[in-house]
N, C-alpha and C. Protein backbone atom coordinates (compact mmCIF):
# COMPACT_ATOMS: atom_id res chain seq x y z
N PRO A 1 -19.40 12.93 72.46
CA PRO A 1 -19.97 13.68 73.57
C PRO A 1 -19.81 15.18 73.34
N THR A 2 -20.81 15.92 73.71
CA THR A 2 -20.74 17.36 73.55
C THR A 2 -19.96 17.96 74.71
N GLN A 3 -19.28 19.04 74.43
CA GLN A 3 -18.49 19.71 75.45
C GLN A 3 -19.06 21.09 75.71
N VAL A 4 -18.99 21.51 76.95
CA VAL A 4 -19.43 22.84 77.32
C VAL A 4 -18.31 23.81 76.96
N PRO A 5 -18.62 24.96 76.34
CA PRO A 5 -17.59 25.92 75.97
C PRO A 5 -16.82 26.40 77.19
N PRO A 6 -15.54 26.73 77.02
CA PRO A 6 -14.73 27.23 78.13
C PRO A 6 -15.27 28.57 78.63
N THR A 7 -14.94 28.92 79.89
CA THR A 7 -15.51 30.12 80.49
C THR A 7 -14.51 31.24 80.73
N THR A 8 -13.26 31.10 80.33
CA THR A 8 -12.32 32.21 80.49
C THR A 8 -12.62 33.27 79.44
N PRO A 9 -12.28 34.55 79.71
CA PRO A 9 -12.61 35.62 78.77
C PRO A 9 -12.04 35.40 77.37
N ASP A 10 -10.77 34.96 77.27
CA ASP A 10 -10.16 34.72 75.95
C ASP A 10 -10.86 33.58 75.22
N ALA A 11 -11.17 32.53 75.97
CA ALA A 11 -11.83 31.38 75.36
C ALA A 11 -13.25 31.74 74.92
N LEU A 12 -13.93 32.57 75.71
CA LEU A 12 -15.28 32.98 75.33
C LEU A 12 -15.26 33.83 74.07
N GLN A 13 -14.26 34.71 73.96
CA GLN A 13 -14.15 35.54 72.75
C GLN A 13 -13.87 34.65 71.54
N MET A 14 -12.97 33.68 71.70
CA MET A 14 -12.66 32.77 70.61
C MET A 14 -13.91 31.93 70.25
N HIS A 15 -14.64 31.51 71.27
CA HIS A 15 -15.86 30.74 71.05
C HIS A 15 -16.86 31.55 70.23
N ASP A 16 -17.07 32.82 70.58
CA ASP A 16 -17.99 33.68 69.85
C ASP A 16 -17.54 33.87 68.41
N GLU A 17 -16.22 34.03 68.21
CA GLU A 17 -15.70 34.21 66.85
C GLU A 17 -15.92 32.95 66.02
N VAL A 18 -15.67 31.79 66.60
CA VAL A 18 -15.86 30.53 65.88
C VAL A 18 -17.33 30.36 65.50
N LEU A 19 -18.22 30.66 66.42
CA LEU A 19 -19.65 30.55 66.11
C LEU A 19 -20.05 31.53 65.02
N ALA A 20 -19.57 32.76 65.11
CA ALA A 20 -19.93 33.77 64.10
C ALA A 20 -19.40 33.35 62.73
N ASN A 21 -18.16 32.88 62.66
CA ASN A 21 -17.58 32.44 61.38
C ASN A 21 -18.33 31.23 60.82
N ALA A 22 -18.71 30.30 61.70
CA ALA A 22 -19.41 29.10 61.25
C ALA A 22 -20.79 29.46 60.72
N GLU A 23 -21.47 30.39 61.40
CA GLU A 23 -22.80 30.78 60.95
C GLU A 23 -22.74 31.55 59.63
N GLN A 24 -21.68 32.36 59.45
CA GLN A 24 -21.54 33.11 58.20
C GLN A 24 -21.17 32.20 57.04
N ALA A 25 -20.43 31.12 57.32
CA ALA A 25 -19.99 30.22 56.26
C ALA A 25 -21.14 29.38 55.69
N LEU A 26 -22.17 29.17 56.48
CA LEU A 26 -23.28 28.33 56.03
C LEU A 26 -24.37 29.18 55.38
N PRO A 27 -24.88 28.75 54.25
CA PRO A 27 -26.04 29.45 53.68
C PRO A 27 -27.26 29.21 54.57
N PRO A 28 -28.21 30.15 54.61
CA PRO A 28 -29.37 30.00 55.48
C PRO A 28 -30.20 28.75 55.23
N LYS A 29 -30.28 28.27 53.98
CA LYS A 29 -31.10 27.10 53.70
C LYS A 29 -30.56 25.83 54.35
N LYS A 30 -29.28 25.78 54.69
CA LYS A 30 -28.71 24.59 55.31
C LYS A 30 -28.98 24.51 56.81
N LEU A 31 -29.59 25.50 57.37
CA LEU A 31 -29.88 25.47 58.80
C LEU A 31 -31.21 24.81 59.11
N ALA A 32 -31.80 24.15 58.13
CA ALA A 32 -33.07 23.45 58.36
C ALA A 32 -32.84 22.28 59.31
N HIS A 33 -33.86 21.93 60.07
CA HIS A 33 -33.73 20.87 61.07
C HIS A 33 -33.55 19.49 60.44
N ASP A 34 -33.97 19.32 59.19
CA ASP A 34 -33.87 17.99 58.58
C ASP A 34 -32.51 17.75 57.92
N ASP A 35 -31.64 18.73 57.91
CA ASP A 35 -30.33 18.56 57.30
C ASP A 35 -29.30 18.39 58.41
N PRO A 36 -28.81 17.14 58.65
CA PRO A 36 -27.87 16.91 59.75
C PRO A 36 -26.52 17.57 59.54
N ARG A 37 -26.15 17.85 58.27
CA ARG A 37 -24.85 18.49 58.01
C ARG A 37 -24.83 19.94 58.47
N ALA A 38 -25.99 20.56 58.58
CA ALA A 38 -26.04 21.98 58.88
C ALA A 38 -25.57 22.29 60.29
N THR A 39 -25.84 21.43 61.24
CA THR A 39 -25.46 21.71 62.62
C THR A 39 -24.40 20.76 63.14
N ARG A 40 -23.85 19.93 62.27
CA ARG A 40 -22.88 18.94 62.72
C ARG A 40 -21.67 19.60 63.37
N HIS A 41 -21.08 20.59 62.74
CA HIS A 41 -19.88 21.20 63.29
C HIS A 41 -20.21 22.21 64.39
N LEU A 42 -21.45 22.68 64.50
CA LEU A 42 -21.84 23.59 65.57
C LEU A 42 -22.25 22.84 66.83
N SER A 43 -22.58 21.55 66.72
CA SER A 43 -23.05 20.81 67.88
C SER A 43 -21.98 20.68 68.95
N PHE A 44 -20.72 20.84 68.57
CA PHE A 44 -19.63 20.79 69.54
C PHE A 44 -19.80 21.87 70.61
N TYR A 45 -20.37 23.00 70.23
CA TYR A 45 -20.47 24.14 71.13
C TYR A 45 -21.81 24.23 71.84
N LYS A 46 -22.74 23.35 71.54
CA LYS A 46 -24.07 23.43 72.14
C LYS A 46 -24.14 22.60 73.43
N ILE A 47 -24.85 23.14 74.38
CA ILE A 47 -25.09 22.41 75.62
C ILE A 47 -26.32 21.53 75.40
N PRO A 48 -26.23 20.25 75.74
CA PRO A 48 -27.37 19.37 75.49
C PRO A 48 -28.61 19.82 76.28
N GLU A 49 -29.74 19.74 75.64
CA GLU A 49 -30.99 20.14 76.26
C GLU A 49 -31.74 18.89 76.71
N THR A 50 -32.16 18.86 77.95
CA THR A 50 -32.88 17.69 78.44
C THR A 50 -34.27 17.66 77.82
N ARG A 51 -34.87 16.50 77.85
CA ARG A 51 -36.19 16.33 77.27
C ARG A 51 -37.22 17.21 77.99
N MET A 52 -37.09 17.29 79.31
CA MET A 52 -38.04 18.10 80.08
C MET A 52 -37.90 19.58 79.75
N LYS A 53 -36.66 20.07 79.67
CA LYS A 53 -36.45 21.47 79.33
C LYS A 53 -36.99 21.78 77.94
N ARG A 54 -36.81 20.85 77.01
CA ARG A 54 -37.33 21.05 75.66
C ARG A 54 -38.85 21.10 75.66
N ARG A 55 -39.49 20.19 76.40
CA ARG A 55 -40.95 20.20 76.49
C ARG A 55 -41.45 21.51 77.08
N MET A 56 -40.79 21.97 78.15
CA MET A 56 -41.22 23.21 78.78
C MET A 56 -41.01 24.40 77.85
N ARG A 57 -39.91 24.42 77.10
CA ARG A 57 -39.65 25.51 76.16
C ARG A 57 -40.70 25.51 75.05
N LEU A 58 -41.02 24.33 74.52
CA LEU A 58 -42.04 24.25 73.47
C LEU A 58 -43.42 24.62 73.99
N LEU A 59 -43.71 24.21 75.23
CA LEU A 59 -45.00 24.57 75.82
C LEU A 59 -45.10 26.07 76.01
N GLN A 60 -44.02 26.68 76.53
CA GLN A 60 -44.03 28.13 76.74
C GLN A 60 -44.18 28.86 75.41
N LYS A 61 -43.50 28.37 74.37
CA LYS A 61 -43.61 28.99 73.06
C LYS A 61 -45.02 28.87 72.50
N SER A 62 -45.65 27.69 72.68
CA SER A 62 -47.01 27.53 72.16
C SER A 62 -48.00 28.40 72.92
N VAL A 63 -47.79 28.57 74.21
CA VAL A 63 -48.67 29.45 74.99
C VAL A 63 -48.50 30.89 74.54
N GLU A 64 -47.25 31.30 74.30
CA GLU A 64 -47.01 32.66 73.83
C GLU A 64 -47.59 32.86 72.43
N ASP A 65 -47.50 31.84 71.57
CA ASP A 65 -48.05 31.94 70.23
C ASP A 65 -49.58 32.08 70.25
N LEU A 66 -50.21 31.45 71.23
CA LEU A 66 -51.66 31.56 71.33
C LEU A 66 -52.10 32.92 71.86
N GLY A 67 -51.17 33.68 72.40
CA GLY A 67 -51.50 35.02 72.90
C GLY A 67 -52.14 35.01 74.26
N ILE A 68 -52.04 33.90 75.00
CA ILE A 68 -52.64 33.87 76.32
C ILE A 68 -51.59 34.02 77.42
N HIS A 69 -50.38 34.34 77.03
CA HIS A 69 -49.32 34.52 78.01
C HIS A 69 -49.50 35.87 78.70
N ARG A 70 -49.48 35.87 79.99
CA ARG A 70 -49.56 37.11 80.74
C ARG A 70 -48.76 36.96 82.02
N ARG A 71 -48.38 38.06 82.58
CA ARG A 71 -47.66 38.03 83.84
C ARG A 71 -48.64 37.76 84.97
N LEU A 72 -48.22 36.92 85.90
CA LEU A 72 -49.06 36.66 87.05
C LEU A 72 -48.94 37.81 88.04
N SER A 73 -50.05 38.14 88.68
CA SER A 73 -49.99 39.17 89.71
C SER A 73 -49.29 38.60 90.93
N THR A 74 -48.96 39.45 91.87
CA THR A 74 -48.28 39.01 93.09
C THR A 74 -49.15 38.03 93.87
N VAL A 75 -50.44 38.31 93.95
CA VAL A 75 -51.35 37.41 94.68
C VAL A 75 -51.40 36.04 94.00
N GLU A 76 -51.52 36.03 92.65
CA GLU A 76 -51.55 34.76 91.93
C GLU A 76 -50.25 33.99 92.11
N THR A 77 -49.12 34.69 92.11
CA THR A 77 -47.82 34.04 92.29
C THR A 77 -47.73 33.43 93.67
N LEU A 78 -48.17 34.15 94.70
CA LEU A 78 -48.13 33.61 96.05
C LEU A 78 -49.06 32.42 96.20
N GLN A 79 -50.25 32.49 95.60
CA GLN A 79 -51.17 31.36 95.66
C GLN A 79 -50.58 30.15 94.97
N HIS A 80 -50.00 30.37 93.79
CA HIS A 80 -49.39 29.26 93.04
C HIS A 80 -48.25 28.64 93.84
N ARG A 81 -47.39 29.49 94.42
CA ARG A 81 -46.25 28.99 95.19
C ARG A 81 -46.73 28.20 96.41
N PHE A 82 -47.78 28.70 97.09
CA PHE A 82 -48.33 28.00 98.25
C PHE A 82 -48.89 26.64 97.84
N LEU A 83 -49.68 26.61 96.76
CA LEU A 83 -50.27 25.35 96.32
C LEU A 83 -49.20 24.37 95.86
N TRP A 84 -48.15 24.88 95.20
CA TRP A 84 -47.05 24.01 94.76
C TRP A 84 -46.37 23.36 95.96
N LYS A 85 -46.06 24.18 96.97
CA LYS A 85 -45.41 23.64 98.17
C LYS A 85 -46.33 22.67 98.89
N LEU A 86 -47.62 22.98 98.94
CA LEU A 86 -48.59 22.10 99.61
C LEU A 86 -48.65 20.74 98.92
N THR A 87 -48.83 20.74 97.60
CA THR A 87 -49.00 19.47 96.89
C THR A 87 -47.73 18.64 96.80
N HIS A 88 -46.58 19.27 96.99
CA HIS A 88 -45.32 18.53 96.94
C HIS A 88 -44.73 18.29 98.33
N SER A 89 -45.52 18.53 99.36
CA SER A 89 -45.04 18.30 100.72
C SER A 89 -45.22 16.83 101.09
N ASN A 90 -44.44 16.39 102.05
CA ASN A 90 -44.55 15.00 102.51
C ASN A 90 -45.90 14.74 103.16
N LEU A 91 -46.40 15.71 103.91
CA LEU A 91 -47.69 15.53 104.59
C LEU A 91 -48.82 15.31 103.59
N PHE A 92 -48.84 16.11 102.53
CA PHE A 92 -49.88 15.97 101.51
C PHE A 92 -49.79 14.59 100.85
N ASN A 93 -48.58 14.16 100.53
CA ASN A 93 -48.39 12.85 99.90
C ASN A 93 -48.78 11.71 100.83
N ILE A 94 -48.50 11.86 102.13
CA ILE A 94 -48.88 10.82 103.09
C ILE A 94 -50.39 10.74 103.22
N VAL A 95 -51.04 11.91 103.31
CA VAL A 95 -52.51 11.93 103.43
C VAL A 95 -53.15 11.35 102.16
N ALA A 96 -52.62 11.72 100.98
CA ALA A 96 -53.17 11.19 99.73
C ALA A 96 -52.98 9.68 99.65
N SER A 97 -51.81 9.19 100.05
CA SER A 97 -51.56 7.75 100.04
C SER A 97 -52.46 7.02 101.03
N ALA A 98 -52.65 7.60 102.21
CA ALA A 98 -53.54 6.99 103.20
C ALA A 98 -54.98 6.94 102.68
N ALA A 99 -55.41 7.99 101.99
CA ALA A 99 -56.76 8.00 101.42
C ALA A 99 -56.91 6.91 100.37
N ILE A 100 -55.89 6.69 99.58
CA ILE A 100 -55.93 5.63 98.56
C ILE A 100 -56.04 4.25 99.22
N LEU A 101 -55.23 4.04 100.26
CA LEU A 101 -55.28 2.75 100.96
C LEU A 101 -56.62 2.54 101.66
N LEU A 102 -57.13 3.59 102.31
CA LEU A 102 -58.45 3.48 102.96
C LEU A 102 -59.55 3.22 101.95
N ASN A 103 -59.46 3.88 100.79
CA ASN A 103 -60.45 3.66 99.75
C ASN A 103 -60.40 2.22 99.23
N ALA A 104 -59.20 1.69 99.08
CA ALA A 104 -59.08 0.30 98.62
C ALA A 104 -59.70 -0.66 99.64
N ALA A 105 -59.43 -0.42 100.93
CA ALA A 105 -60.03 -1.26 101.97
C ALA A 105 -61.55 -1.10 101.99
N PHE A 106 -62.00 0.15 101.83
CA PHE A 106 -63.44 0.41 101.80
C PHE A 106 -64.11 -0.30 100.64
N LEU A 107 -63.48 -0.30 99.47
CA LEU A 107 -64.06 -0.98 98.31
C LEU A 107 -64.22 -2.48 98.56
N GLY A 108 -63.25 -3.08 99.22
CA GLY A 108 -63.36 -4.51 99.55
C GLY A 108 -64.48 -4.77 100.53
N ILE A 109 -64.54 -3.95 101.58
CA ILE A 109 -65.61 -4.12 102.58
C ILE A 109 -66.97 -3.85 101.95
N SER A 110 -67.05 -2.81 101.13
CA SER A 110 -68.31 -2.44 100.48
C SER A 110 -68.80 -3.55 99.56
N ALA A 111 -67.89 -4.16 98.83
CA ALA A 111 -68.28 -5.26 97.94
C ALA A 111 -68.82 -6.44 98.74
N GLN A 112 -68.17 -6.73 99.87
CA GLN A 112 -68.62 -7.83 100.73
C GLN A 112 -70.01 -7.54 101.31
N VAL A 113 -70.21 -6.33 101.80
CA VAL A 113 -71.51 -5.95 102.40
C VAL A 113 -72.60 -5.94 101.32
N ASP A 114 -72.29 -5.39 100.14
CA ASP A 114 -73.27 -5.37 99.05
C ASP A 114 -73.67 -6.78 98.64
N LEU A 115 -72.71 -7.69 98.59
CA LEU A 115 -73.00 -9.08 98.23
C LEU A 115 -73.92 -9.73 99.26
N LYS A 116 -73.63 -9.51 100.55
CA LYS A 116 -74.48 -10.09 101.60
C LYS A 116 -75.90 -9.51 101.54
N GLU A 117 -76.00 -8.20 101.25
CA GLU A 117 -77.33 -7.57 101.17
C GLU A 117 -78.13 -8.12 100.00
N VAL A 118 -77.47 -8.35 98.87
CA VAL A 118 -78.16 -8.90 97.71
C VAL A 118 -78.60 -10.34 97.99
N ILE A 119 -77.74 -11.14 98.61
CA ILE A 119 -78.08 -12.54 98.91
C ILE A 119 -79.22 -12.62 99.91
N ASN A 120 -79.20 -11.75 100.93
CA ASN A 120 -80.23 -11.79 101.98
C ASN A 120 -81.47 -10.98 101.59
N GLY A 121 -81.44 -10.28 100.47
CA GLY A 121 -82.58 -9.50 100.03
C GLY A 121 -82.81 -8.23 100.84
N GLU A 122 -81.77 -7.72 101.48
CA GLU A 122 -81.88 -6.51 102.29
C GLU A 122 -81.72 -5.27 101.42
N THR A 123 -82.12 -4.13 101.96
CA THR A 123 -81.93 -2.87 101.24
C THR A 123 -80.49 -2.40 101.41
N PRO A 124 -79.93 -1.76 100.39
CA PRO A 124 -78.54 -1.29 100.48
C PRO A 124 -78.35 -0.27 101.60
N SER A 125 -77.22 -0.32 102.24
CA SER A 125 -76.89 0.59 103.34
C SER A 125 -76.55 1.97 102.79
N GLU A 126 -77.16 3.01 103.37
CA GLU A 126 -76.87 4.37 102.93
C GLU A 126 -75.53 4.86 103.46
N VAL A 127 -75.07 4.28 104.54
CA VAL A 127 -73.79 4.69 105.12
C VAL A 127 -72.66 4.48 104.12
N LEU A 128 -72.69 3.35 103.43
CA LEU A 128 -71.64 3.06 102.45
C LEU A 128 -71.67 4.07 101.32
N SER A 129 -72.86 4.49 100.91
CA SER A 129 -72.95 5.50 99.84
C SER A 129 -72.37 6.83 100.30
N TYR A 130 -72.61 7.20 101.55
CA TYR A 130 -72.07 8.47 102.07
C TYR A 130 -70.54 8.42 102.17
N VAL A 131 -70.02 7.29 102.59
CA VAL A 131 -68.56 7.14 102.67
C VAL A 131 -67.95 7.22 101.27
N GLU A 132 -68.62 6.58 100.31
CA GLU A 132 -68.14 6.62 98.93
C GLU A 132 -68.15 8.06 98.38
N ILE A 133 -69.18 8.82 98.73
CA ILE A 133 -69.25 10.22 98.31
C ILE A 133 -68.11 11.02 98.95
N CYS A 134 -67.81 10.74 100.20
CA CYS A 134 -66.70 11.43 100.87
C CYS A 134 -65.37 11.16 100.17
N PHE A 135 -65.12 9.90 99.81
CA PHE A 135 -63.90 9.58 99.08
C PHE A 135 -63.86 10.30 97.73
N CYS A 136 -64.99 10.33 97.04
CA CYS A 136 -65.06 11.00 95.74
C CYS A 136 -64.76 12.49 95.89
N VAL A 137 -65.32 13.12 96.93
CA VAL A 137 -65.07 14.55 97.17
C VAL A 137 -63.59 14.78 97.48
N TRP A 138 -62.99 13.91 98.30
CA TRP A 138 -61.58 14.08 98.63
C TRP A 138 -60.69 13.96 97.38
N PHE A 139 -60.91 12.91 96.59
CA PHE A 139 -60.07 12.72 95.40
C PHE A 139 -60.27 13.84 94.38
N THR A 140 -61.49 14.35 94.28
CA THR A 140 -61.74 15.48 93.39
C THR A 140 -61.02 16.72 93.89
N PHE A 141 -61.09 16.97 95.20
CA PHE A 141 -60.39 18.10 95.80
C PHE A 141 -58.89 17.99 95.57
N GLU A 142 -58.33 16.81 95.81
CA GLU A 142 -56.90 16.60 95.63
C GLU A 142 -56.49 16.87 94.18
N LEU A 143 -57.28 16.38 93.24
CA LEU A 143 -56.97 16.57 91.83
C LEU A 143 -57.04 18.05 91.44
N VAL A 144 -58.06 18.76 91.90
CA VAL A 144 -58.21 20.18 91.56
C VAL A 144 -57.06 20.99 92.15
N VAL A 145 -56.65 20.70 93.38
CA VAL A 145 -55.53 21.42 93.99
C VAL A 145 -54.24 21.16 93.22
N ARG A 146 -54.02 19.92 92.84
CA ARG A 146 -52.81 19.61 92.06
C ARG A 146 -52.84 20.28 90.69
N LEU A 147 -54.01 20.31 90.05
CA LEU A 147 -54.14 20.99 88.76
C LEU A 147 -53.85 22.48 88.91
N MET A 148 -54.35 23.09 89.97
CA MET A 148 -54.11 24.51 90.19
C MET A 148 -52.64 24.78 90.49
N ALA A 149 -51.99 23.87 91.21
CA ALA A 149 -50.59 24.07 91.58
C ALA A 149 -49.67 23.84 90.39
N GLU A 150 -49.91 22.80 89.63
CA GLU A 150 -48.98 22.45 88.56
C GLU A 150 -49.34 23.08 87.21
N GLN A 151 -50.57 23.48 87.04
CA GLN A 151 -51.06 24.12 85.83
C GLN A 151 -50.69 23.27 84.62
N PHE A 152 -49.98 23.83 83.64
CA PHE A 152 -49.66 23.08 82.41
C PHE A 152 -48.71 21.92 82.67
N THR A 153 -47.86 22.04 83.69
CA THR A 153 -46.91 20.96 83.93
C THR A 153 -47.59 19.69 84.43
N PHE A 154 -48.86 19.79 84.83
CA PHE A 154 -49.62 18.61 85.22
C PHE A 154 -49.63 17.59 84.09
N PHE A 155 -49.66 18.08 82.85
CA PHE A 155 -49.72 17.20 81.68
C PHE A 155 -48.35 16.93 81.06
N TYR A 156 -47.30 17.63 81.50
CA TYR A 156 -45.99 17.47 80.88
C TYR A 156 -44.88 17.10 81.85
N ALA A 157 -45.15 17.07 83.13
CA ALA A 157 -44.11 16.75 84.11
C ALA A 157 -43.74 15.27 84.03
N SER A 158 -42.78 14.90 84.84
CA SER A 158 -42.29 13.52 84.78
C SER A 158 -43.37 12.51 85.19
N GLU A 159 -44.34 12.92 86.00
CA GLU A 159 -45.40 12.01 86.44
C GLU A 159 -46.69 12.22 85.64
N TRP A 160 -46.61 12.63 84.39
CA TRP A 160 -47.80 12.96 83.61
C TRP A 160 -48.70 11.75 83.39
N LYS A 161 -48.13 10.56 83.30
CA LYS A 161 -48.96 9.37 83.09
C LYS A 161 -49.83 9.08 84.32
N MET A 162 -49.23 9.21 85.49
CA MET A 162 -50.00 9.00 86.72
C MET A 162 -51.05 10.10 86.89
N ASN A 163 -50.71 11.32 86.51
CA ASN A 163 -51.66 12.43 86.60
C ASN A 163 -52.86 12.18 85.70
N LEU A 164 -52.62 11.70 84.48
CA LEU A 164 -53.73 11.40 83.58
C LEU A 164 -54.57 10.23 84.10
N LEU A 165 -53.92 9.25 84.71
CA LEU A 165 -54.66 8.14 85.31
C LEU A 165 -55.55 8.65 86.44
N ASP A 166 -55.00 9.51 87.31
CA ASP A 166 -55.81 10.09 88.39
C ASP A 166 -56.98 10.88 87.82
N LEU A 167 -56.72 11.68 86.80
CA LEU A 167 -57.78 12.47 86.18
C LEU A 167 -58.88 11.56 85.63
N PHE A 168 -58.49 10.49 84.94
CA PHE A 168 -59.45 9.55 84.38
C PHE A 168 -60.27 8.88 85.47
N LEU A 169 -59.61 8.42 86.53
CA LEU A 169 -60.32 7.72 87.61
C LEU A 169 -61.30 8.64 88.33
N VAL A 170 -60.89 9.88 88.57
CA VAL A 170 -61.79 10.82 89.25
C VAL A 170 -62.98 11.15 88.34
N LEU A 171 -62.72 11.36 87.06
CA LEU A 171 -63.82 11.65 86.14
C LEU A 171 -64.81 10.48 86.05
N VAL A 172 -64.31 9.26 86.00
CA VAL A 172 -65.19 8.08 85.95
C VAL A 172 -66.01 7.97 87.23
N THR A 173 -65.38 8.22 88.38
CA THR A 173 -66.09 8.13 89.65
C THR A 173 -67.17 9.20 89.75
N VAL A 174 -66.83 10.44 89.40
CA VAL A 174 -67.81 11.53 89.44
C VAL A 174 -68.95 11.25 88.46
N LEU A 175 -68.61 10.78 87.28
CA LEU A 175 -69.63 10.46 86.29
C LEU A 175 -70.55 9.34 86.79
N GLY A 176 -69.97 8.33 87.45
CA GLY A 176 -70.76 7.26 88.03
C GLY A 176 -71.70 7.75 89.11
N MET A 177 -71.23 8.70 89.91
CA MET A 177 -72.09 9.26 90.97
C MET A 177 -73.21 10.09 90.37
N VAL A 178 -72.91 10.83 89.31
CA VAL A 178 -73.93 11.68 88.69
C VAL A 178 -74.98 10.84 87.98
N LEU A 179 -74.55 9.81 87.25
CA LEU A 179 -75.48 8.99 86.48
C LEU A 179 -76.26 8.00 87.33
N ASN A 180 -75.70 7.61 88.48
CA ASN A 180 -76.36 6.63 89.34
C ASN A 180 -76.29 7.12 90.78
N PRO A 181 -77.05 8.17 91.13
CA PRO A 181 -76.91 8.80 92.45
C PRO A 181 -77.28 7.90 93.63
N GLU A 182 -78.19 6.96 93.43
CA GLU A 182 -78.61 6.13 94.58
C GLU A 182 -77.63 5.03 94.88
N GLY A 183 -76.83 4.59 93.88
CA GLY A 183 -75.91 3.48 94.13
C GLY A 183 -74.46 3.88 94.11
N GLY A 184 -74.14 5.10 93.72
CA GLY A 184 -72.76 5.51 93.64
C GLY A 184 -72.07 4.90 92.46
N ALA A 185 -70.75 4.96 92.44
CA ALA A 185 -69.97 4.48 91.30
C ALA A 185 -69.76 2.98 91.35
N SER A 186 -69.89 2.36 92.54
CA SER A 186 -69.58 0.94 92.65
C SER A 186 -70.71 0.04 92.19
N SER A 187 -71.93 0.55 92.08
CA SER A 187 -73.05 -0.28 91.69
C SER A 187 -73.13 -0.46 90.20
């Protein structure tokens, strides 16, 4: 197990000296990541880095390497903070969950009504198409707000798999509406 270095002034000075001596004793070529001997004796002094912190550090480094890193203005920071709080609030999560449950119930009812219309030879109901469009607009709005709030962490946060699933489902639904405007995505 790794240990956190002591925090008293004497211990910190000794810690710095040990690190400096260890770094001077090793030739630079041994500090490569593929050589486990190079950092074996220094790992005692390192604080373990969580997977999430490592991902965020690598993401920040790649963004800086691309040259697109810039400071956010005060207005952008306030907007981002507002959207972050909004998308992570209990009310937003309850409304999103309710929309998912209502959509699931609507899909069942819509399938039943569509089946009866096909069997009886009736024309499809336009009301169902409008309701389906409303659900599509809501889910698209929810996804865009979450993307704006989370930005890059949308793809790297702990819920990245669910985020990608949401993105895929919304894209398929929108594509279905665009390609088949009279029947929506369910036809």
